[in-house]
C-alpha atoms as a PDB file:
ATOM      1  CA  MET A   1       0.102   0.019  -0.015  1.00  0.00           C
ATOM      2  CA  HIS A   2       2.599   2.406   0.941  1.00  0.00           C
ATOM      3  CA  LEU A   3       4.799   1.688  -1.874  1.00  0.00           C
ATOM      4  CA  LEU A   4       2.216   2.496  -4.535  1.00  0.00           C
ATOM      5  CA  GLY A   5      -0.599   4.503  -2.660  1.00  0.00           C
ATOM      6  CA  ILE A   6       1.586   7.322  -1.485  1.00  0.00           C
ATOM      7  CA  PRO A   7       3.701   8.232  -4.475  1.00  0.00           C
ATOM      8  CA  LEU A   8       0.540   8.010  -6.717  1.00  0.00           C
ATOM      9  CA  THR A   9      -2.257   9.731  -4.649  1.00  0.00           C
ATOM     10  CA  GLY A  10      -0.812  10.689  -1.116  1.00  0.00           C
ATOM     11  CA  THR A  11      -2.883   8.138   0.539  1.00  0.00           C
ATOM     12  CA  SER A  12      -2.564   7.323   4.283  1.00  0.00           C
ATOM     13  CA  VAL A  13      -3.315   4.124   6.001  1.00  0.00           C
ATOM     14  CA  ASN A  14      -2.544   5.535   9.266  1.00  0.00           C
ATOM     15  CA  PRO A  15      -5.926   6.400  10.927  1.00  0.00           C
ATOM     16  CA  ALA A  16      -4.348   9.349  12.852  1.00  0.00           C
ATOM     17  CA  ARG A  17      -2.465  10.630  10.060  1.00  0.00           C
ATOM     18  CA  SER A  18      -5.820  10.533   8.200  1.00  0.00           C
ATOM     19  CA  PHE A  19      -8.313  12.027  10.627  1.00  0.00           C
ATOM     20  CA  GLY A  20      -6.274  15.030  11.402  1.00  0.00           C
ATOM     21  CA  PRO A  21      -5.822  16.494   8.099  1.00  0.00           C
ATOM     22  CA  ALA A  22      -9.741  15.338   7.350  1.00  0.00           C
ATOM     23  CA  LEU A  23     -10.553  17.637  10.623  1.00  0.00           C
ATOM     24  CA  ILE A  24      -8.724  20.529   9.249  1.00  0.00           C
ATOM     25  CA  ALA A  25     -10.343  19.955   5.717  1.00  0.00           C
ATOM     26  CA  MET A  26     -13.785  20.007   7.321  1.00  0.00           C
ATOM     27  CA  MET A  27     -12.706  23.148   9.031  1.00  0.00           C
ATOM     28  CA  ASN A  28     -12.199  24.772   5.607  1.00  0.00           C
ATOM     29  CA  GLY A  29     -15.447  23.564   4.150  1.00  0.00           C
ATOM     30  CA  VAL A  30     -13.922  20.610   2.315  1.00  0.00           C
ATOM     31  CA  TYR A  31     -15.943  17.679   3.484  1.00  0.00           C
ATOM     32  CA  GLU A  32     -15.066  14.709   1.285  1.00  0.00           C
ATOM     33  CA  PRO A  33     -12.183  13.478   3.361  1.00  0.00           C
ATOM     34  CA  ILE A  34     -14.133  13.146   6.500  1.00  0.00           C
ATOM     35  CA  LYS A  35     -16.764  11.197   4.543  1.00  0.00           C
ATOM     36  CA  GLU A  36     -14.031   8.293   4.117  1.00  0.00           C
ATOM     37  CA  ILE A  37     -12.729   8.099   7.613  1.00  0.00           C
ATOM     38  CA  TRP A  38     -15.858   5.793   8.446  1.00  0.00           C
ATOM     39  CA  ILE A  39     -13.627   2.902   7.177  1.00  0.00           C
ATOM     40  CA  PHE A  40     -11.172   3.403   9.779  1.00  0.00           C
ATOM     41  CA  ILE A  41     -13.791   3.183  12.442  1.00  0.00           C
ATOM     42  CA  VAL A  42     -15.798   0.365  10.805  1.00  0.00           C
ATOM     43  CA  GLY A  43     -13.103  -1.986   9.433  1.00  0.00           C
ATOM     44  CA  PRO A  44     -11.411  -2.576  12.958  1.00  0.00           C
ATOM     45  CA  LEU A  45     -14.683  -3.116  14.737  1.00  0.00           C
ATOM     46  CA  ALA A  46     -15.976  -5.459  12.245  1.00  0.00           C
ATOM     47  CA  GLY A  47     -12.539  -7.458  12.332  1.00  0.00           C
ATOM     48  CA  ALA A  48     -12.993  -7.636  16.050  1.00  0.00           C
ATOM     49  CA  ALA A  49     -16.542  -8.850  15.812  1.00  0.00           C
ATOM     50  CA  LEU A  50     -15.642 -11.418  13.389  1.00  0.00           C
ATOM     51  CA  ALA A  51     -12.503 -12.547  15.531  1.00  0.00           C
ATOM     52  CA  ALA A  52     -14.639 -12.918  18.575  1.00  0.00           C
ATOM     53  CA  LEU A  53     -17.358 -15.146  16.879  1.00  0.00           C
ATOM     54  CA  LEU A  54     -14.784 -17.156  15.089  1.00  0.00           C
ATOM     55  CA  PHE A  55     -12.927 -17.482  18.505  1.00  0.00           C
ATOM     56  CA  ASN A  56     -16.200 -18.488  20.335  1.00  0.00           C
ATOM     57  CA  PHE A  57     -17.145 -20.867  17.539  1.00  0.00           C
ATOM     58  CA  LEU A  58     -13.997 -22.442  17.567  1.00  0.00           C
ATOM     59  CA  SER A  59     -13.351 -22.768  21.319  1.00  0.00           C
ATOM     60  CA  SER A  60     -17.068 -24.241  21.686  1.00  0.00           C
ATOM     61  CA  LYS A  61     -16.059 -27.158  19.066  1.00  0.00           C
ATOM     62  CA  LYS A  62     -13.067 -27.835  21.320  1.00  0.00           C
ATOM     63  CA  GLU A  63     -15.199 -28.025  24.329  1.00  0.00           C
ATOM     64  CA  ILE A  64     -17.652 -30.597  22.723  1.00  0.00           C
ATOM     65  CA  LYS A  65     -14.576 -32.668  21.687  1.00  0.00           C
ATOM     66  CA  GLU A  66     -13.038 -32.594  25.163  1.00  0.00           C
ATOM     67  CA  GLU A  67     -16.250 -33.744  26.671  1.00  0.00           C
ATOM     68  CA  ALA A  68     -16.862 -36.642  24.076  1.00  0.00           C
ATOM     69  CA  THR A  69     -13.481 -37.915  24.868  1.00  0.00           C
ATOM     70  CA  LEU A  70     -13.869 -37.740  28.528  1.00  0.00           C
ATOM     71  CA  THR A  71     -17.306 -39.417  28.246  1.00  0.00           C
ATOM     72  CA  SER A  72     -15.763 -42.105  25.927  1.00  0.00           C
ATOM     73  CA  SER A  73     -13.062 -42.909  28.132  1.00  0.00           C
ATOM     74  CA  LYS A  74     -14.982 -43.543  31.307  1.00  0.00           C
END
């Protein structure tokens, strides 16, 4: 991303570096940059939610497997 995006468009993949200039632009009447900040908020939240669901799913499968092993060994 950095090797291609910055030289071509001046893009930023750091939320802190993107949010500050977007706020300054908004104060100057340019609203387009602030409209695109949502991805820095929604992306990590969606990733965290997906990771939590996957963790719960995988840990419940492990518990079921362990219970089955304990039951069959009795």
